[in-house]
Each structure stands twice: as C-alpha cells, then as structure tokens.
Amino acid sequence: MSAPDTNVDKQEERHKPALLGIKGAMLFGVLMLLIIVFLAVMRGGDDEAVPVGANNDATTSDTGAVAVDPVEPGTNESN
C-alpha cells in the first residue's frame, strides 16, 4: 500500500540537504578512488634500471673480485 497523498516535488524539496550530502559523499568516494589508482600507476614502475649481469650481492668484495658463494654445494641452506 502506498501513502494516500504523495507529493513527490514537496518530498524532494524537504530531502534536498540529505540528497546533496549523499551525492557529495559519492563524489568524494569516486575522487579518492581515482587518486589511489593514479598514485598506484605512477609509483608502479621500476625505480632504476639494473644492467643485465650486474652483481649486487652482499658477498662481493671491495676489490672488484668475483664473489664466492658462501653456501657449500649439496646443502639445503639458501641464504
């Protein structure tokens, strides 16, 4: 059953502040999502290009010699 005297224009006028608040909250939410997506895309790339074959291990020596693997072959330890 519906209300006997329903005046949509009058109800819309009475609820205008609430409807504006809901629309504002929806706009704010969409804006926040767009900002999050934008920041994720902007920070998603590589910070620096690492040349192929570059050895950046902590086991390298300061003299530029080739690093020696500290793990013995045949062990299950993998630092």
N, C-alpha and C. Protein backbone atom coordinates (compact mmCIF):
# COMPACT_ATOMS: atom_id res chain seq x y z
N MET A 1 0.83 -1.18 0.00
CA MET A 1 0.00 0.00 0.00
C MET A 1 0.88 1.24 0.00
N SER A 2 0.43 2.25 -0.70
CA SER A 2 1.18 3.49 -0.78
C SER A 2 0.47 4.56 0.05
N ALA A 3 1.20 5.63 0.28
CA ALA A 3 0.62 6.74 1.04
C ALA A 3 -0.48 7.41 0.21
N PRO A 4 -1.54 7.87 0.85
CA PRO A 4 -2.66 8.43 0.10
C PRO A 4 -2.34 9.75 -0.62
N ASP A 5 -1.64 10.67 0.02
CA ASP A 5 -1.31 11.95 -0.61
C ASP A 5 0.20 12.07 -0.72
N THR A 6 0.75 11.63 -1.84
CA THR A 6 2.19 11.68 -2.04
C THR A 6 2.49 12.80 -3.03
N ASN A 7 3.20 13.79 -2.56
CA ASN A 7 3.61 14.89 -3.41
C ASN A 7 5.13 14.78 -3.57
N VAL A 8 5.57 14.25 -4.71
CA VAL A 8 7.00 13.99 -4.94
C VAL A 8 7.81 15.28 -4.92
N ASP A 9 7.28 16.33 -5.49
CA ASP A 9 8.01 17.59 -5.53
C ASP A 9 8.23 18.15 -4.12
N LYS A 10 7.21 18.02 -3.27
CA LYS A 10 7.31 18.51 -1.89
C LYS A 10 8.31 17.66 -1.10
N GLN A 11 8.29 16.33 -1.31
CA GLN A 11 9.23 15.46 -0.60
C GLN A 11 10.66 15.70 -1.07
N GLU A 12 10.83 15.94 -2.36
CA GLU A 12 12.17 16.22 -2.87
C GLU A 12 12.71 17.50 -2.26
N GLU A 13 11.87 18.50 -2.12
CA GLU A 13 12.29 19.76 -1.53
C GLU A 13 12.68 19.57 -0.06
N ARG A 14 11.95 18.75 0.66
CA ARG A 14 12.25 18.50 2.08
C ARG A 14 13.54 17.71 2.27
N HIS A 15 13.84 16.84 1.32
CA HIS A 15 15.01 15.98 1.46
C HIS A 15 16.23 16.49 0.69
N LYS A 16 16.16 17.70 0.18
CA LYS A 16 17.25 18.26 -0.62
C LYS A 16 18.60 18.24 0.12
N PRO A 17 18.70 18.66 1.39
CA PRO A 17 20.01 18.61 2.08
C PRO A 17 20.58 17.19 2.19
N ALA A 18 19.71 16.24 2.48
CA ALA A 18 20.19 14.86 2.61
C ALA A 18 20.64 14.32 1.26
N LEU A 19 19.89 14.62 0.20
CA LEU A 19 20.26 14.15 -1.13
C LEU A 19 21.57 14.79 -1.60
N LEU A 20 21.77 16.06 -1.29
CA LEU A 20 23.03 16.72 -1.63
C LEU A 20 24.21 16.10 -0.85
N GLY A 21 23.97 15.75 0.41
CA GLY A 21 25.01 15.10 1.19
C GLY A 21 25.39 13.74 0.64
N ILE A 22 24.41 12.98 0.21
CA ILE A 22 24.67 11.66 -0.37
C ILE A 22 25.45 11.81 -1.68
N LYS A 23 25.04 12.75 -2.53
CA LYS A 23 25.74 12.98 -3.79
C LYS A 23 27.17 13.45 -3.53
N GLY A 24 27.35 14.29 -2.53
CA GLY A 24 28.70 14.76 -2.19
C GLY A 24 29.58 13.62 -1.69
N ALA A 25 29.02 12.73 -0.88
CA ALA A 25 29.79 11.59 -0.39
C ALA A 25 30.17 10.65 -1.53
N MET A 26 29.26 10.46 -2.47
CA MET A 26 29.57 9.61 -3.62
C MET A 26 30.67 10.24 -4.48
N LEU A 27 30.61 11.54 -4.69
CA LEU A 27 31.63 12.24 -5.45
C LEU A 27 32.99 12.16 -4.75
N PHE A 28 32.99 12.32 -3.44
CA PHE A 28 34.22 12.22 -2.66
C PHE A 28 34.82 10.82 -2.78
N GLY A 29 33.99 9.78 -2.70
CA GLY A 29 34.47 8.41 -2.82
C GLY A 29 35.07 8.13 -4.19
N VAL A 30 34.43 8.60 -5.23
CA VAL A 30 34.96 8.40 -6.58
C VAL A 30 36.28 9.15 -6.74
N LEU A 31 36.36 10.35 -6.21
CA LEU A 31 37.59 11.12 -6.27
C LEU A 31 38.73 10.42 -5.54
N MET A 32 38.47 9.85 -4.38
CA MET A 32 39.50 9.14 -3.64
C MET A 32 39.97 7.90 -4.40
N LEU A 33 39.05 7.17 -5.01
CA LEU A 33 39.43 6.00 -5.80
C LEU A 33 40.30 6.40 -6.99
N LEU A 34 39.96 7.47 -7.65
CA LEU A 34 40.77 7.93 -8.77
C LEU A 34 42.16 8.35 -8.33
N ILE A 35 42.26 8.99 -7.18
CA ILE A 35 43.58 9.38 -6.66
C ILE A 35 44.40 8.15 -6.33
N ILE A 36 43.80 7.14 -5.71
CA ILE A 36 44.52 5.91 -5.37
C ILE A 36 45.01 5.21 -6.62
N VAL A 37 44.16 5.11 -7.63
CA VAL A 37 44.57 4.46 -8.88
C VAL A 37 45.69 5.26 -9.54
N PHE A 38 45.57 6.58 -9.56
CA PHE A 38 46.62 7.42 -10.15
C PHE A 38 47.95 7.22 -9.43
N LEU A 39 47.95 7.23 -8.11
CA LEU A 39 49.20 7.05 -7.36
C LEU A 39 49.78 5.65 -7.57
N ALA A 40 48.94 4.65 -7.65
CA ALA A 40 49.43 3.29 -7.87
C ALA A 40 50.07 3.16 -9.24
N VAL A 41 49.50 3.80 -10.23
CA VAL A 41 50.07 3.74 -11.58
C VAL A 41 51.38 4.52 -11.64
N MET A 42 51.42 5.67 -11.01
CA MET A 42 52.63 6.49 -11.06
C MET A 42 53.80 5.86 -10.32
N ARG A 43 53.54 5.12 -9.27
CA ARG A 43 54.62 4.50 -8.49
C ARG A 43 54.85 3.04 -8.85
N GLY A 44 54.18 2.54 -9.86
CA GLY A 44 54.26 1.13 -10.19
C GLY A 44 55.48 0.72 -10.99
N GLY A 45 56.21 1.65 -11.58
CA GLY A 45 57.35 1.32 -12.42
C GLY A 45 58.60 1.02 -11.61
N ASP A 46 59.64 0.60 -12.33
CA ASP A 46 60.93 0.36 -11.69
C ASP A 46 61.57 1.70 -11.36
N ASP A 47 62.22 1.76 -10.21
CA ASP A 47 62.87 2.99 -9.80
C ASP A 47 64.13 3.26 -10.62
N GLU A 48 64.89 2.20 -10.89
CA GLU A 48 66.12 2.37 -11.65
C GLU A 48 66.35 1.12 -12.48
N ALA A 49 66.98 1.30 -13.59
CA ALA A 49 67.26 0.16 -14.46
C ALA A 49 68.56 -0.50 -14.00
N VAL A 50 68.52 -1.79 -13.77
CA VAL A 50 69.69 -2.54 -13.36
C VAL A 50 70.24 -3.25 -14.59
N PRO A 51 71.50 -3.03 -14.92
CA PRO A 51 72.06 -3.68 -16.11
C PRO A 51 72.09 -5.19 -15.94
N VAL A 52 71.91 -5.88 -17.05
CA VAL A 52 71.94 -7.35 -17.03
C VAL A 52 73.34 -7.79 -16.66
N GLY A 53 73.43 -8.72 -15.73
CA GLY A 53 74.71 -9.24 -15.30
C GLY A 53 75.32 -8.47 -14.15
N ALA A 54 74.64 -7.46 -13.66
CA ALA A 54 75.18 -6.70 -12.53
C ALA A 54 75.12 -7.56 -11.28
N ASN A 55 76.18 -7.56 -10.52
CA ASN A 55 76.25 -8.37 -9.31
C ASN A 55 76.12 -7.44 -8.11
N ASN A 56 74.95 -7.40 -7.51
CA ASN A 56 74.70 -6.51 -6.38
C ASN A 56 74.59 -7.28 -5.07
N ASP A 57 75.19 -8.46 -4.99
CA ASP A 57 75.12 -9.27 -3.77
C ASP A 57 75.96 -8.66 -2.66
N ALA A 58 75.62 -9.00 -1.44
CA ALA A 58 76.38 -8.52 -0.28
C ALA A 58 77.69 -9.27 -0.14
N THR A 59 77.87 -10.34 -0.93
CA THR A 59 79.09 -11.15 -0.80
C THR A 59 80.21 -10.66 -1.69
N THR A 60 80.00 -9.58 -2.43
CA THR A 60 81.08 -9.07 -3.27
C THR A 60 82.11 -8.37 -2.41
N SER A 61 83.32 -8.38 -2.87
CA SER A 61 84.39 -7.73 -2.11
C SER A 61 84.60 -6.32 -2.65
N ASP A 62 85.30 -5.50 -1.90
CA ASP A 62 85.55 -4.12 -2.30
C ASP A 62 86.58 -4.03 -3.42
N THR A 63 87.34 -5.09 -3.63
CA THR A 63 88.41 -5.05 -4.64
C THR A 63 87.89 -5.30 -6.04
N GLY A 64 86.64 -5.64 -6.19
CA GLY A 64 86.07 -5.88 -7.51
C GLY A 64 86.20 -7.31 -7.96
N ALA A 65 86.69 -8.20 -7.09
CA ALA A 65 86.82 -9.61 -7.45
C ALA A 65 85.44 -10.26 -7.51
N VAL A 66 85.38 -11.37 -8.17
CA VAL A 66 84.13 -12.11 -8.29
C VAL A 66 83.77 -12.69 -6.93
N ALA A 67 82.51 -12.59 -6.57
CA ALA A 67 82.05 -13.08 -5.27
C ALA A 67 82.03 -14.60 -5.25
N VAL A 68 82.32 -15.14 -4.09
CA VAL A 68 82.30 -16.59 -3.89
C VAL A 68 81.01 -16.94 -3.16
N ASP A 69 80.34 -17.99 -3.62
CA ASP A 69 79.10 -18.42 -3.00
C ASP A 69 79.40 -18.98 -1.61
N PRO A 70 78.81 -18.42 -0.53
CA PRO A 70 79.13 -18.87 0.83
C PRO A 70 78.46 -20.20 1.19
N VAL A 71 77.55 -20.68 0.37
CA VAL A 71 76.84 -21.92 0.67
C VAL A 71 77.55 -23.08 -0.02
N GLU A 72 77.85 -24.12 0.75
CA GLU A 72 78.51 -25.29 0.20
C GLU A 72 77.57 -26.04 -0.72
N PRO A 73 78.06 -26.56 -1.81
CA PRO A 73 77.19 -27.37 -2.68
C PRO A 73 76.69 -28.61 -1.95
N GLY A 74 75.44 -28.94 -2.18
CA GLY A 74 74.85 -30.11 -1.57
C GLY A 74 74.11 -29.83 -0.28
N THR A 75 74.17 -28.60 0.23
CA THR A 75 73.44 -28.28 1.45
C THR A 75 72.08 -27.71 1.08
N ASN A 76 71.16 -27.69 2.03
CA ASN A 76 69.82 -27.20 1.80
C ASN A 76 69.65 -25.73 2.18
N GLU A 77 70.70 -25.11 2.66
CA GLU A 77 70.63 -23.73 3.09
C GLU A 77 70.73 -22.81 1.87
N SER A 78 69.81 -21.87 1.78
CA SER A 78 69.84 -20.94 0.64
C SER A 78 69.62 -19.53 1.15
N ASN A 79 70.67 -18.87 1.51
CA ASN A 79 70.59 -17.52 2.07
C ASN A 79 70.03 -16.63 1.05
